[in-house]
């Protein structure tokens, strides 16, 4: 996960997402750098428009707007059906003899 965060951080500050920059960010956190993961991350992000992907992701994750000014109603909770107290007491009485 830290490799994804490092790539996003590099994108945010306008740096190239390459092996050297990813290694520098991961190393700065104190984590051990896995060369294979760095290469996979760089290869998987080559040619990807990260800004476009982030824009599409935020639209998909945004909650749907309600049609109207009224606030959305909270879902109604079902009321528990309570046992009559006498029946509950009978069950306890059988435990004690």
N, C-alpha and C. Protein backbone atom coordinates (compact mmCIF):
# COMPACT_ATOMS: atom_id res chain seq x y z
N UNK A 1 0.81 -1.18 0.00
CA UNK A 1 0.00 0.00 0.00
C UNK A 1 0.87 1.26 0.00
N UNK A 2 2.01 1.16 0.67
CA UNK A 2 2.88 2.34 0.74
C UNK A 2 3.40 2.75 -0.62
N UNK A 3 3.48 1.82 -1.56
CA UNK A 3 3.96 2.15 -2.90
C UNK A 3 2.90 2.97 -3.65
N UNK A 4 1.65 2.63 -3.42
CA UNK A 4 0.56 3.41 -4.01
C UNK A 4 0.53 4.82 -3.44
N UNK A 5 0.68 4.91 -2.13
CA UNK A 5 0.70 6.24 -1.50
C UNK A 5 1.88 7.06 -1.98
N UNK A 6 3.02 6.40 -2.14
CA UNK A 6 4.21 7.12 -2.61
C UNK A 6 3.98 7.64 -4.02
N UNK A 7 3.36 6.83 -4.87
CA UNK A 7 3.08 7.27 -6.24
C UNK A 7 2.09 8.43 -6.24
N UNK A 8 1.08 8.36 -5.40
CA UNK A 8 0.11 9.46 -5.32
C UNK A 8 0.76 10.74 -4.80
N UNK A 9 1.65 10.60 -3.84
CA UNK A 9 2.35 11.76 -3.30
C UNK A 9 3.22 12.40 -4.38
N UNK A 10 3.94 11.58 -5.13
CA UNK A 10 4.76 12.10 -6.21
C UNK A 10 3.91 12.81 -7.26
N UNK A 11 2.78 12.23 -7.58
CA UNK A 11 1.87 12.86 -8.55
C UNK A 11 1.38 14.21 -8.01
N UNK A 12 1.02 14.24 -6.73
CA UNK A 12 0.48 15.46 -6.12
C UNK A 12 1.47 16.61 -6.16
N UNK A 13 2.76 16.31 -5.94
CA UNK A 13 3.76 17.37 -5.93
C UNK A 13 4.37 17.62 -7.31
N UNK A 14 3.89 16.90 -8.31
CA UNK A 14 4.32 17.15 -9.68
C UNK A 14 5.64 16.51 -10.08
N UNK A 15 6.07 15.51 -9.33
CA UNK A 15 7.32 14.81 -9.65
C UNK A 15 7.01 13.60 -10.54
N UNK A 16 8.05 13.19 -11.29
CA UNK A 16 7.91 11.99 -12.11
C UNK A 16 7.81 10.76 -11.22
N UNK A 17 6.96 9.83 -11.62
CA UNK A 17 6.86 8.58 -10.88
C UNK A 17 7.82 7.60 -11.55
N UNK A 18 9.03 7.60 -11.04
CA UNK A 18 10.05 6.69 -11.56
C UNK A 18 10.68 5.95 -10.38
N UNK A 19 11.56 5.01 -10.71
CA UNK A 19 12.13 4.17 -9.66
C UNK A 19 12.88 4.98 -8.60
N UNK A 20 13.67 5.93 -9.03
CA UNK A 20 14.47 6.70 -8.08
C UNK A 20 13.59 7.50 -7.13
N UNK A 21 12.56 8.15 -7.66
CA UNK A 21 11.67 8.95 -6.80
C UNK A 21 10.86 8.07 -5.85
N UNK A 22 10.36 6.94 -6.36
CA UNK A 22 9.61 6.03 -5.49
C UNK A 22 10.49 5.50 -4.36
N UNK A 23 11.71 5.11 -4.70
CA UNK A 23 12.63 4.60 -3.68
C UNK A 23 12.92 5.68 -2.64
N UNK A 24 13.08 6.91 -3.09
CA UNK A 24 13.36 8.00 -2.16
C UNK A 24 12.20 8.23 -1.19
N UNK A 25 10.98 8.19 -1.69
CA UNK A 25 9.82 8.41 -0.83
C UNK A 25 9.66 7.26 0.16
N UNK A 26 9.77 6.03 -0.33
CA UNK A 26 9.62 4.86 0.55
C UNK A 26 10.73 4.87 1.60
N UNK A 27 11.94 5.15 1.19
CA UNK A 27 13.07 5.20 2.14
C UNK A 27 12.86 6.27 3.19
N UNK A 28 12.29 7.40 2.80
CA UNK A 28 12.07 8.50 3.74
C UNK A 28 11.10 8.11 4.85
N UNK A 29 10.24 7.14 4.59
CA UNK A 29 9.29 6.71 5.62
C UNK A 29 9.93 5.75 6.61
N UNK A 30 11.10 5.26 6.26
CA UNK A 30 11.75 4.29 7.13
C UNK A 30 11.44 2.86 6.77
N UNK A 31 10.62 2.64 5.76
CA UNK A 31 10.28 1.29 5.33
C UNK A 31 11.37 0.74 4.42
N UNK A 32 11.46 -0.58 4.38
CA UNK A 32 12.43 -1.24 3.51
C UNK A 32 11.89 -1.22 2.08
N UNK A 33 12.74 -0.84 1.13
CA UNK A 33 12.33 -0.74 -0.27
C UNK A 33 12.44 -2.11 -0.92
N UNK A 34 11.35 -2.53 -1.55
CA UNK A 34 11.33 -3.78 -2.31
C UNK A 34 11.48 -3.41 -3.78
N UNK A 35 12.62 -3.74 -4.36
CA UNK A 35 12.93 -3.37 -5.74
C UNK A 35 11.87 -3.89 -6.71
N UNK A 36 11.39 -5.10 -6.49
CA UNK A 36 10.40 -5.69 -7.39
C UNK A 36 9.10 -4.89 -7.37
N UNK A 37 8.66 -4.49 -6.18
CA UNK A 37 7.43 -3.71 -6.08
C UNK A 37 7.58 -2.34 -6.72
N UNK A 38 8.76 -1.76 -6.59
CA UNK A 38 9.01 -0.46 -7.22
C UNK A 38 8.90 -0.60 -8.74
N UNK A 39 9.52 -1.62 -9.29
CA UNK A 39 9.49 -1.83 -10.74
C UNK A 39 8.08 -2.12 -11.23
N UNK A 40 7.34 -2.90 -10.48
CA UNK A 40 5.95 -3.20 -10.86
C UNK A 40 5.10 -1.94 -10.84
N UNK A 41 5.28 -1.11 -9.82
CA UNK A 41 4.50 0.12 -9.71
C UNK A 41 4.81 1.06 -10.87
N UNK A 42 6.08 1.25 -11.17
CA UNK A 42 6.47 2.14 -12.26
C UNK A 42 5.94 1.60 -13.59
N UNK A 43 6.06 0.30 -13.81
CA UNK A 43 5.59 -0.30 -15.06
C UNK A 43 4.07 -0.20 -15.19
N UNK A 44 3.36 -0.41 -14.09
CA UNK A 44 1.90 -0.38 -14.15
C UNK A 44 1.35 1.03 -14.33
N UNK A 45 2.12 2.04 -13.93
CA UNK A 45 1.65 3.42 -14.07
C UNK A 45 2.16 4.12 -15.33
N UNK A 46 3.02 3.46 -16.09
CA UNK A 46 3.52 4.10 -17.31
C UNK A 46 2.38 4.26 -18.31
N UNK A 47 2.21 5.47 -18.80
CA UNK A 47 1.16 5.76 -19.77
C UNK A 47 -0.21 5.99 -19.17
N UNK A 48 -0.32 5.97 -17.85
CA UNK A 48 -1.61 6.16 -17.19
C UNK A 48 -1.75 7.64 -16.82
N UNK A 49 -2.91 8.22 -17.16
CA UNK A 49 -3.20 9.60 -16.76
C UNK A 49 -3.81 9.55 -15.36
N UNK A 50 -2.97 9.74 -14.37
CA UNK A 50 -3.40 9.60 -12.98
C UNK A 50 -4.46 10.63 -12.61
N UNK A 51 -4.32 11.84 -13.08
CA UNK A 51 -5.30 12.89 -12.77
C UNK A 51 -6.68 12.48 -13.27
N UNK A 52 -6.74 11.92 -14.46
CA UNK A 52 -8.02 11.47 -15.02
C UNK A 52 -8.60 10.32 -14.20
N UNK A 53 -7.76 9.38 -13.82
CA UNK A 53 -8.22 8.24 -13.02
C UNK A 53 -8.73 8.71 -11.66
N UNK A 54 -8.04 9.66 -11.06
CA UNK A 54 -8.48 10.18 -9.76
C UNK A 54 -9.80 10.94 -9.89
N UNK A 55 -9.94 11.68 -10.97
CA UNK A 55 -11.19 12.43 -11.18
C UNK A 55 -12.37 11.48 -11.34
N UNK A 56 -12.17 10.41 -12.08
CA UNK A 56 -13.24 9.43 -12.27
C UNK A 56 -13.52 8.67 -10.98
N UNK A 57 -12.50 8.40 -10.21
CA UNK A 57 -12.69 7.67 -8.96
C UNK A 57 -13.47 8.50 -7.96
N UNK A 58 -13.20 9.80 -7.90
CA UNK A 58 -13.91 10.63 -6.93
C UNK A 58 -15.37 10.83 -7.31
N UNK A 59 -15.67 10.80 -8.60
CA UNK A 59 -17.06 10.92 -9.04
C UNK A 59 -17.81 9.65 -8.68
N UNK A 60 -17.19 8.51 -8.86
CA UNK A 60 -17.85 7.25 -8.55
C UNK A 60 -18.04 7.07 -7.05
N UNK A 61 -17.16 7.62 -6.26
CA UNK A 61 -17.25 7.45 -4.82
C UNK A 61 -18.13 8.51 -4.15
N UNK A 62 -18.48 9.56 -4.88
CA UNK A 62 -19.29 10.63 -4.29
C UNK A 62 -20.71 10.14 -4.06
N UNK A 63 -21.32 10.52 -2.95
CA UNK A 63 -22.69 10.10 -2.70
C UNK A 63 -23.65 10.75 -3.69
N UNK A 64 -24.70 10.05 -4.00
CA UNK A 64 -25.69 10.57 -4.94
C UNK A 64 -26.43 11.73 -4.31
N UNK A 65 -26.62 12.78 -5.07
CA UNK A 65 -27.34 13.95 -4.58
C UNK A 65 -28.83 13.66 -4.62
N UNK A 66 -29.56 14.13 -3.62
CA UNK A 66 -31.01 13.91 -3.61
C UNK A 66 -31.67 14.95 -4.50
N UNK A 67 -32.81 14.59 -5.05
CA UNK A 67 -33.52 15.54 -5.90
C UNK A 67 -34.46 16.35 -5.02
N UNK A 68 -34.07 17.53 -4.67
CA UNK A 68 -34.87 18.38 -3.81
C UNK A 68 -34.03 18.89 -2.67
N UNK A 69 -34.62 19.81 -1.92
CA UNK A 69 -33.89 20.41 -0.83
C UNK A 69 -34.07 19.67 0.49
N UNK A 70 -35.01 18.74 0.53
CA UNK A 70 -35.26 18.04 1.78
C UNK A 70 -34.12 17.07 2.07
N UNK A 71 -33.71 16.99 3.32
CA UNK A 71 -32.66 16.03 3.67
C UNK A 71 -33.17 14.61 3.53
N UNK A 72 -32.28 13.73 3.19
CA UNK A 72 -32.67 12.32 3.03
C UNK A 72 -33.06 11.75 4.38
N UNK A 73 -34.06 10.90 4.37
CA UNK A 73 -34.52 10.29 5.61
C UNK A 73 -33.59 9.15 5.99
N UNK A 74 -33.36 9.03 7.26
CA UNK A 74 -32.56 7.91 7.75
C UNK A 74 -33.41 6.65 7.68
N UNK A 75 -32.79 5.52 7.41
CA UNK A 75 -33.57 4.28 7.36
C UNK A 75 -34.20 4.00 8.72
N UNK A 76 -35.42 3.52 8.68
CA UNK A 76 -36.13 3.26 9.92
C UNK A 76 -35.64 1.94 10.52
N UNK A 77 -35.44 1.95 11.81
CA UNK A 77 -35.01 0.75 12.49
C UNK A 77 -36.23 -0.08 12.86
N UNK A 78 -36.06 -1.39 12.70
CA UNK A 78 -37.15 -2.27 13.09
C UNK A 78 -37.14 -2.41 14.61
N UNK A 79 -38.32 -2.38 15.18
CA UNK A 79 -38.41 -2.54 16.62
C UNK A 79 -38.31 -4.03 16.96
N UNK A 80 -37.54 -4.30 18.01
CA UNK A 80 -37.42 -5.68 18.45
C UNK A 80 -38.74 -6.12 19.07
N UNK A 81 -39.09 -7.34 18.77
CA UNK A 81 -40.28 -7.89 19.40
C UNK A 81 -39.88 -8.37 20.78
N UNK A 82 -40.47 -7.80 21.78
CA UNK A 82 -40.11 -8.15 23.15
C UNK A 82 -40.93 -9.33 23.62
N UNK A 83 -40.24 -10.23 24.31
CA UNK A 83 -40.96 -11.35 24.91
C UNK A 83 -41.71 -10.85 26.13
N UNK A 84 -42.84 -11.40 26.36
CA UNK A 84 -43.51 -11.05 27.62
C UNK A 84 -42.62 -11.46 28.79
N UNK A 85 -42.62 -10.65 29.84
CA UNK A 85 -41.74 -10.90 30.97
C UNK A 85 -42.04 -12.21 31.68
N UNK A 86 -43.27 -12.62 31.67
CA UNK A 86 -43.64 -13.87 32.34
C UNK A 86 -42.98 -15.06 31.66
N UNK A 87 -42.98 -15.07 30.33
CA UNK A 87 -42.37 -16.18 29.60
C UNK A 87 -40.86 -16.21 29.85
N UNK A 88 -40.23 -15.07 29.91
CA UNK A 88 -38.80 -15.01 30.18
C UNK A 88 -38.51 -15.52 31.58
N UNK A 89 -39.33 -15.19 32.53
CA UNK A 89 -39.14 -15.62 33.91
C UNK A 89 -39.31 -17.13 34.03
N UNK A 90 -40.24 -17.72 33.28
CA UNK A 90 -40.45 -19.16 33.33
C UNK A 90 -39.19 -19.89 32.87
N UNK A 91 -38.55 -19.36 31.84
CA UNK A 91 -37.34 -19.99 31.36
C UNK A 91 -36.22 -19.94 32.39
N UNK A 92 -36.11 -18.85 33.12
CA UNK A 92 -35.09 -18.72 34.16
C UNK A 92 -35.41 -19.64 35.36
N UNK A 93 -36.68 -19.77 35.67
CA UNK A 93 -37.07 -20.60 36.81
C UNK A 93 -36.69 -22.05 36.59
N UNK A 94 -36.74 -22.52 35.34
CA UNK A 94 -36.41 -23.91 35.08
C UNK A 94 -34.92 -24.18 35.28
N UNK A 95 -34.10 -23.17 35.22
CA UNK A 95 -32.66 -23.35 35.45
C UNK A 95 -32.35 -23.62 36.91
N UNK A 96 -33.15 -23.05 37.78
CA UNK A 96 -32.86 -23.14 39.21
C UNK A 96 -33.71 -24.16 39.95
N UNK A 97 -34.45 -24.95 39.25
CA UNK A 97 -35.08 -26.06 39.91
C UNK A 97 -36.49 -25.98 40.14
